[in-house]
Amino acid sequence: MGSEFTFYDYFDASGNNVIKGWLDGDGYPVKAFFNRMIAYLKESSPPGSQDSFWTYPYTWPLHEDWDDFFELRRKAKGVEYRLIGQIVGRKVYLVTWGYHKGNWETDVTQQTARMRVTQMEKYLKLRREHDNS
């Protein structure tokens, strides 16, 4: 049986893998955890199904302006690291990252995150399967 979901990383216009760049840099303390969680989620039943990993404590749905997005969270050294994506059918688009150090911080607005999802669906050069190296 193949994977239930395919995870894609966002590539910017310069061809840089935004997700891998963050995981190799500031997100490095939680890189192995996120890659392991993505491997579990790829094989998991869809959200709402019995025995699905698409629930707490593995994923959290975002609210308000970020409706339809989810995050993976991992706390390390007093910082909550977050990887943010959106599920479209059986494709999962990882579009940005964030931190919670007393306040929520991310590198993009929810409008930019939505635009990235739209672009990833339309332009293959802006997405590639998640790089777990």
N, C-alpha and C. Protein backbone atom coordinates (compact mmCIF):
# COMPACT_ATOMS: atom_id res chain seq x y z
N MET A 1 0.82 -1.17 0.00
CA MET A 1 0.00 0.00 0.00
C MET A 1 0.87 1.24 0.00
N GLY A 2 0.53 2.23 -0.81
CA GLY A 2 1.29 3.47 -0.88
C GLY A 2 0.91 4.43 0.23
N SER A 3 1.56 5.55 0.22
CA SER A 3 1.27 6.59 1.21
C SER A 3 -0.12 7.15 1.02
N GLU A 4 -0.76 7.54 2.11
CA GLU A 4 -2.05 8.18 2.07
C GLU A 4 -1.93 9.64 1.61
N PHE A 5 -0.83 10.29 2.03
CA PHE A 5 -0.63 11.71 1.74
C PHE A 5 0.76 11.94 1.16
N THR A 6 0.88 12.98 0.37
CA THR A 6 2.17 13.43 -0.13
C THR A 6 2.42 14.81 0.43
N PHE A 7 3.56 15.00 1.08
CA PHE A 7 3.94 16.28 1.65
C PHE A 7 4.86 17.01 0.67
N TYR A 8 4.61 18.30 0.51
CA TYR A 8 5.40 19.13 -0.38
C TYR A 8 5.98 20.32 0.38
N ASP A 9 7.25 20.63 0.09
CA ASP A 9 7.90 21.82 0.63
C ASP A 9 7.70 22.98 -0.34
N TYR A 10 7.62 24.19 0.19
CA TYR A 10 7.50 25.39 -0.63
C TYR A 10 8.88 25.86 -1.08
N PHE A 11 9.00 26.13 -2.38
CA PHE A 11 10.22 26.69 -2.97
C PHE A 11 9.92 28.12 -3.39
N ASP A 12 10.80 29.05 -3.04
CA ASP A 12 10.58 30.44 -3.42
C ASP A 12 10.98 30.66 -4.88
N ALA A 13 10.79 31.87 -5.37
CA ALA A 13 11.07 32.18 -6.77
C ALA A 13 12.53 31.99 -7.14
N SER A 14 13.44 32.04 -6.16
CA SER A 14 14.86 31.82 -6.41
C SER A 14 15.23 30.34 -6.42
N GLY A 15 14.26 29.47 -6.14
CA GLY A 15 14.52 28.04 -6.13
C GLY A 15 14.98 27.50 -4.80
N ASN A 16 14.86 28.30 -3.74
CA ASN A 16 15.27 27.86 -2.41
C ASN A 16 14.13 27.12 -1.71
N ASN A 17 14.45 25.99 -1.11
CA ASN A 17 13.48 25.23 -0.34
C ASN A 17 13.34 25.93 1.02
N VAL A 18 12.26 26.67 1.19
CA VAL A 18 12.03 27.46 2.39
C VAL A 18 11.93 26.58 3.62
N ILE A 19 11.26 25.45 3.50
CA ILE A 19 11.05 24.56 4.65
C ILE A 19 12.37 23.90 5.06
N LYS A 20 13.08 23.32 4.11
CA LYS A 20 14.36 22.67 4.43
C LYS A 20 15.36 23.69 4.95
N GLY A 21 15.37 24.88 4.36
CA GLY A 21 16.28 25.93 4.83
C GLY A 21 16.06 26.25 6.30
N TRP A 22 14.79 26.33 6.70
CA TRP A 22 14.49 26.61 8.10
C TRP A 22 14.85 25.42 8.98
N LEU A 23 14.52 24.21 8.54
CA LEU A 23 14.84 23.02 9.33
C LEU A 23 16.35 22.83 9.48
N ASP A 24 17.11 23.22 8.49
CA ASP A 24 18.57 23.11 8.57
C ASP A 24 19.18 24.25 9.37
N GLY A 25 18.40 25.33 9.59
CA GLY A 25 18.90 26.50 10.31
C GLY A 25 18.25 26.61 11.68
N ASP A 26 17.38 27.60 11.83
CA ASP A 26 16.76 27.87 13.13
C ASP A 26 15.93 26.70 13.66
N GLY A 27 15.35 25.91 12.78
CA GLY A 27 14.52 24.78 13.20
C GLY A 27 15.29 23.50 13.46
N TYR A 28 16.61 23.55 13.41
CA TYR A 28 17.40 22.34 13.54
C TYR A 28 17.15 21.55 14.83
N PRO A 29 16.90 22.22 15.97
CA PRO A 29 16.66 21.44 17.20
C PRO A 29 15.46 20.49 17.10
N VAL A 30 14.55 20.72 16.17
CA VAL A 30 13.36 19.88 16.05
C VAL A 30 13.24 19.20 14.68
N LYS A 31 14.26 19.29 13.89
CA LYS A 31 14.23 18.73 12.53
C LYS A 31 13.90 17.24 12.52
N ALA A 32 14.58 16.45 13.32
CA ALA A 32 14.35 15.00 13.33
C ALA A 32 12.92 14.68 13.75
N PHE A 33 12.40 15.40 14.75
CA PHE A 33 11.03 15.17 15.20
C PHE A 33 10.05 15.46 14.07
N PHE A 34 10.18 16.61 13.41
CA PHE A 34 9.25 16.97 12.33
C PHE A 34 9.33 15.96 11.19
N ASN A 35 10.51 15.54 10.81
CA ASN A 35 10.63 14.56 9.73
C ASN A 35 10.00 13.23 10.11
N ARG A 36 10.13 12.83 11.36
CA ARG A 36 9.51 11.59 11.83
C ARG A 36 7.98 11.73 11.84
N MET A 37 7.48 12.87 12.28
CA MET A 37 6.03 13.10 12.29
C MET A 37 5.46 13.11 10.87
N ILE A 38 6.17 13.72 9.95
CA ILE A 38 5.71 13.74 8.56
C ILE A 38 5.64 12.32 8.02
N ALA A 39 6.62 11.49 8.36
CA ALA A 39 6.59 10.09 7.91
C ALA A 39 5.36 9.37 8.46
N TYR A 40 5.01 9.60 9.73
CA TYR A 40 3.80 8.99 10.31
C TYR A 40 2.54 9.51 9.63
N LEU A 41 2.47 10.82 9.44
CA LEU A 41 1.28 11.42 8.86
C LEU A 41 1.07 10.99 7.41
N LYS A 42 2.15 10.76 6.68
CA LYS A 42 2.03 10.29 5.29
C LYS A 42 1.27 8.98 5.22
N GLU A 43 1.44 8.14 6.21
CA GLU A 43 0.84 6.81 6.22
C GLU A 43 -0.47 6.76 6.99
N SER A 44 -0.82 7.84 7.66
CA SER A 44 -2.00 7.87 8.52
C SER A 44 -3.29 7.92 7.72
N SER A 45 -4.34 7.41 8.33
CA SER A 45 -5.68 7.58 7.77
C SER A 45 -6.00 9.08 7.75
N PRO A 46 -6.91 9.49 6.88
CA PRO A 46 -7.27 10.91 6.79
C PRO A 46 -7.82 11.46 8.10
N PRO A 47 -7.74 12.79 8.28
CA PRO A 47 -8.30 13.41 9.48
C PRO A 47 -9.76 12.99 9.67
N GLY A 48 -10.12 12.72 10.91
CA GLY A 48 -11.48 12.30 11.22
C GLY A 48 -11.70 10.80 11.18
N SER A 49 -10.76 10.06 10.61
CA SER A 49 -10.86 8.60 10.56
C SER A 49 -10.37 7.99 11.87
N GLN A 50 -10.83 6.79 12.13
CA GLN A 50 -10.36 6.08 13.31
C GLN A 50 -8.86 5.81 13.15
N ASP A 51 -8.12 5.93 14.24
CA ASP A 51 -6.68 5.68 14.28
C ASP A 51 -5.87 6.67 13.46
N SER A 52 -6.41 7.83 13.15
CA SER A 52 -5.68 8.85 12.41
C SER A 52 -4.71 9.57 13.34
N PHE A 53 -3.54 9.90 12.82
CA PHE A 53 -2.57 10.71 13.56
C PHE A 53 -2.85 12.20 13.40
N TRP A 54 -3.83 12.58 12.60
CA TRP A 54 -4.11 13.99 12.31
C TRP A 54 -4.89 14.64 13.44
N THR A 55 -4.48 14.40 14.68
CA THR A 55 -5.13 14.96 15.86
C THR A 55 -4.05 15.33 16.87
N TYR A 56 -4.49 15.99 17.94
CA TYR A 56 -3.61 16.26 19.06
C TYR A 56 -3.11 14.93 19.61
N PRO A 57 -1.89 14.76 19.95
CA PRO A 57 -0.84 15.75 20.08
C PRO A 57 0.04 15.90 18.84
N TYR A 58 -0.33 15.28 17.73
CA TYR A 58 0.50 15.31 16.53
C TYR A 58 0.30 16.57 15.69
N THR A 59 -0.94 16.98 15.54
CA THR A 59 -1.24 18.19 14.76
C THR A 59 -2.24 19.05 15.52
N TRP A 60 -2.23 20.33 15.22
CA TRP A 60 -3.17 21.27 15.80
C TRP A 60 -3.78 22.08 14.67
N PRO A 61 -5.10 22.18 14.63
CA PRO A 61 -5.72 23.06 13.64
C PRO A 61 -5.53 24.51 14.08
N LEU A 62 -5.27 25.38 13.13
CA LEU A 62 -5.16 26.80 13.44
C LEU A 62 -6.53 27.45 13.30
N HIS A 63 -6.70 28.63 13.87
CA HIS A 63 -8.00 29.27 13.93
C HIS A 63 -7.93 30.71 13.42
N GLU A 64 -9.10 31.31 13.38
CA GLU A 64 -9.29 32.70 12.97
C GLU A 64 -8.73 32.91 11.57
N ASP A 65 -7.78 33.81 11.40
CA ASP A 65 -7.25 34.11 10.06
C ASP A 65 -6.55 32.91 9.42
N TRP A 66 -6.14 31.97 10.24
CA TRP A 66 -5.39 30.81 9.75
C TRP A 66 -6.27 29.57 9.60
N ASP A 67 -7.59 29.73 9.56
CA ASP A 67 -8.46 28.58 9.34
C ASP A 67 -7.99 27.79 8.12
N ASP A 68 -8.16 26.50 8.16
CA ASP A 68 -7.77 25.56 7.10
C ASP A 68 -6.28 25.23 7.11
N PHE A 69 -5.52 25.81 8.01
CA PHE A 69 -4.11 25.46 8.17
C PHE A 69 -3.96 24.64 9.44
N PHE A 70 -2.88 23.88 9.51
CA PHE A 70 -2.56 23.11 10.70
C PHE A 70 -1.10 23.36 11.01
N GLU A 71 -0.71 22.94 12.20
CA GLU A 71 0.70 23.04 12.55
C GLU A 71 1.15 21.78 13.28
N LEU A 72 2.42 21.48 13.08
CA LEU A 72 3.12 20.50 13.89
C LEU A 72 3.88 21.31 14.93
N ARG A 73 3.89 20.85 16.17
CA ARG A 73 4.58 21.59 17.23
C ARG A 73 5.58 20.69 17.94
N ARG A 74 6.65 21.31 18.35
CA ARG A 74 7.61 20.61 19.19
C ARG A 74 8.33 21.65 20.04
N LYS A 75 8.37 21.39 21.34
CA LYS A 75 9.04 22.30 22.25
C LYS A 75 10.45 21.81 22.50
N ALA A 76 11.40 22.71 22.43
CA ALA A 76 12.81 22.40 22.72
C ALA A 76 13.46 23.64 23.31
N LYS A 77 14.10 23.47 24.44
CA LYS A 77 14.81 24.56 25.10
C LYS A 77 13.94 25.79 25.31
N GLY A 78 12.69 25.57 25.72
CA GLY A 78 11.80 26.66 26.04
C GLY A 78 11.13 27.35 24.86
N VAL A 79 11.35 26.83 23.66
CA VAL A 79 10.76 27.43 22.45
C VAL A 79 9.85 26.40 21.80
N GLU A 80 8.63 26.82 21.42
CA GLU A 80 7.75 25.96 20.64
C GLU A 80 8.00 26.24 19.16
N TYR A 81 8.52 25.25 18.47
CA TYR A 81 8.76 25.35 17.03
C TYR A 81 7.52 24.84 16.31
N ARG A 82 7.19 25.47 15.19
CA ARG A 82 5.98 25.09 14.47
C ARG A 82 6.25 25.02 12.97
N LEU A 83 5.71 24.01 12.37
CA LEU A 83 5.74 23.84 10.92
C LEU A 83 4.30 23.93 10.46
N ILE A 84 4.01 24.82 9.51
CA ILE A 84 2.63 25.15 9.15
C ILE A 84 2.33 24.72 7.73
N GLY A 85 1.18 24.06 7.56
CA GLY A 85 0.79 23.58 6.24
C GLY A 85 -0.71 23.56 6.07
N GLN A 86 -1.11 23.15 4.87
CA GLN A 86 -2.53 23.02 4.55
C GLN A 86 -2.72 21.73 3.76
N ILE A 87 -3.81 21.03 4.07
CA ILE A 87 -4.16 19.80 3.37
C ILE A 87 -5.12 20.16 2.24
N VAL A 88 -4.80 19.70 1.03
CA VAL A 88 -5.68 19.87 -0.13
C VAL A 88 -5.82 18.47 -0.74
N GLY A 89 -6.96 17.83 -0.50
CA GLY A 89 -7.12 16.45 -0.94
C GLY A 89 -6.14 15.57 -0.20
N ARG A 90 -5.28 14.90 -0.94
CA ARG A 90 -4.24 14.04 -0.33
C ARG A 90 -2.86 14.67 -0.43
N LYS A 91 -2.83 15.96 -0.75
CA LYS A 91 -1.57 16.70 -0.80
C LYS A 91 -1.49 17.61 0.41
N VAL A 92 -0.31 17.67 1.00
CA VAL A 92 -0.08 18.53 2.16
C VAL A 92 1.02 19.51 1.77
N TYR A 93 0.66 20.78 1.77
CA TYR A 93 1.58 21.84 1.37
C TYR A 93 2.15 22.50 2.61
N LEU A 94 3.45 22.30 2.85
CA LEU A 94 4.14 22.96 3.96
C LEU A 94 4.60 24.32 3.45
N VAL A 95 4.04 25.39 4.02
CA VAL A 95 4.27 26.71 3.44
C VAL A 95 5.11 27.64 4.29
N THR A 96 5.20 27.37 5.59
CA THR A 96 5.99 28.26 6.44
C THR A 96 6.27 27.60 7.77
N TRP A 97 6.89 28.33 8.63
CA TRP A 97 7.27 27.88 9.96
C TRP A 97 6.94 28.99 10.95
N GLY A 98 7.05 28.67 12.22
CA GLY A 98 6.82 29.68 13.24
C GLY A 98 7.44 29.28 14.56
N TYR A 99 7.37 30.22 15.50
CA TYR A 99 7.86 30.01 16.85
C TYR A 99 6.82 30.53 17.82
N HIS A 100 6.89 30.02 19.02
CA HIS A 100 6.12 30.60 20.10
C HIS A 100 7.08 30.74 21.27
N LYS A 101 7.50 31.98 21.50
CA LYS A 101 8.39 32.30 22.62
C LYS A 101 7.72 33.40 23.43
N GLY A 102 6.54 33.12 23.94
CA GLY A 102 5.78 34.15 24.63
C GLY A 102 4.80 34.83 23.68
N ASN A 103 5.22 35.02 22.45
CA ASN A 103 4.38 35.56 21.38
C ASN A 103 4.53 34.66 20.17
N TRP A 104 3.49 34.64 19.36
CA TRP A 104 3.51 33.89 18.10
C TRP A 104 4.33 34.67 17.08
N GLU A 105 5.29 34.01 16.44
CA GLU A 105 6.11 34.63 15.41
C GLU A 105 6.16 33.71 14.20
N THR A 106 6.01 34.29 13.01
CA THR A 106 6.18 33.55 11.78
C THR A 106 6.76 34.50 10.74
N ASP A 107 7.23 33.97 9.63
CA ASP A 107 7.85 34.82 8.62
C ASP A 107 6.86 35.34 7.58
N VAL A 108 5.60 34.88 7.60
CA VAL A 108 4.63 35.32 6.59
C VAL A 108 3.27 35.58 7.22
N THR A 109 2.44 36.31 6.51
CA THR A 109 1.06 36.52 6.93
C THR A 109 0.22 35.35 6.44
N GLN A 110 -1.01 35.25 6.96
CA GLN A 110 -1.89 34.18 6.49
C GLN A 110 -2.23 34.37 5.03
N GLN A 111 -2.30 35.63 4.54
CA GLN A 111 -2.57 35.85 3.12
C GLN A 111 -1.43 35.30 2.26
N THR A 112 -0.20 35.51 2.71
CA THR A 112 0.95 34.97 1.98
C THR A 112 0.94 33.45 2.01
N ALA A 113 0.59 32.87 3.15
CA ALA A 113 0.51 31.41 3.25
C ALA A 113 -0.52 30.86 2.28
N ARG A 114 -1.68 31.50 2.19
CA ARG A 114 -2.72 31.06 1.25
C ARG A 114 -2.24 31.21 -0.19
N MET A 115 -1.55 32.30 -0.49
CA MET A 115 -1.02 32.51 -1.83
C MET A 115 0.00 31.41 -2.17
N ARG A 116 0.82 31.03 -1.20
CA ARG A 116 1.80 29.97 -1.44
C ARG A 116 1.12 28.65 -1.78
N VAL A 117 0.03 28.33 -1.08
CA VAL A 117 -0.70 27.10 -1.39
C VAL A 117 -1.22 27.15 -2.82
N THR A 118 -1.83 28.27 -3.18
CA THR A 118 -2.37 28.43 -4.54
C THR A 118 -1.25 28.29 -5.58
N GLN A 119 -0.12 28.91 -5.32
CA GLN A 119 1.01 28.82 -6.24
C GLN A 119 1.55 27.40 -6.33
N MET A 120 1.62 26.70 -5.21
CA MET A 120 2.14 25.34 -5.21
C MET A 120 1.23 24.41 -6.00
N GLU A 121 -0.07 24.66 -5.95
CA GLU A 121 -1.00 23.84 -6.73
C GLU A 121 -0.84 24.11 -8.22
N LYS A 122 -0.55 25.34 -8.56
CA LYS A 122 -0.52 25.76 -9.96
C LYS A 122 0.85 25.56 -10.62
N TYR A 123 1.91 25.83 -9.90
CA TYR A 123 3.26 25.80 -10.47
C TYR A 123 4.11 24.73 -9.81
N LEU A 124 4.42 23.69 -10.56
CA LEU A 124 5.19 22.57 -10.02
C LEU A 124 6.58 22.99 -9.55
N LYS A 125 7.15 24.03 -10.15
CA LYS A 125 8.50 24.46 -9.76
C LYS A 125 8.54 25.05 -8.35
N LEU A 126 7.38 25.38 -7.79
CA LEU A 126 7.34 25.95 -6.45
C LEU A 126 7.08 24.91 -5.37
N ARG A 127 7.06 23.63 -5.76
CA ARG A 127 6.89 22.57 -4.77
C ARG A 127 7.70 21.35 -5.18
N ARG A 128 8.15 20.65 -4.18
CA ARG A 128 8.77 19.34 -4.35
C ARG A 128 8.45 18.53 -3.12
N GLU A 129 8.46 17.21 -3.29
CA GLU A 129 8.17 16.37 -2.12
C GLU A 129 9.11 16.75 -0.98
N HIS A 130 8.56 16.65 0.22
CA HIS A 130 9.31 17.05 1.43
C HIS A 130 10.67 16.37 1.46
N ASP A 131 11.69 17.17 1.71
CA ASP A 131 13.06 16.70 1.80
C ASP A 131 13.37 16.41 3.26
N ASN A 132 13.45 15.14 3.61
CA ASN A 132 13.68 14.78 5.00
C ASN A 132 15.14 14.51 5.31
N SER A 133 16.03 14.97 4.46
CA SER A 133 17.46 14.75 4.72
C SER A 133 18.03 15.77 5.68
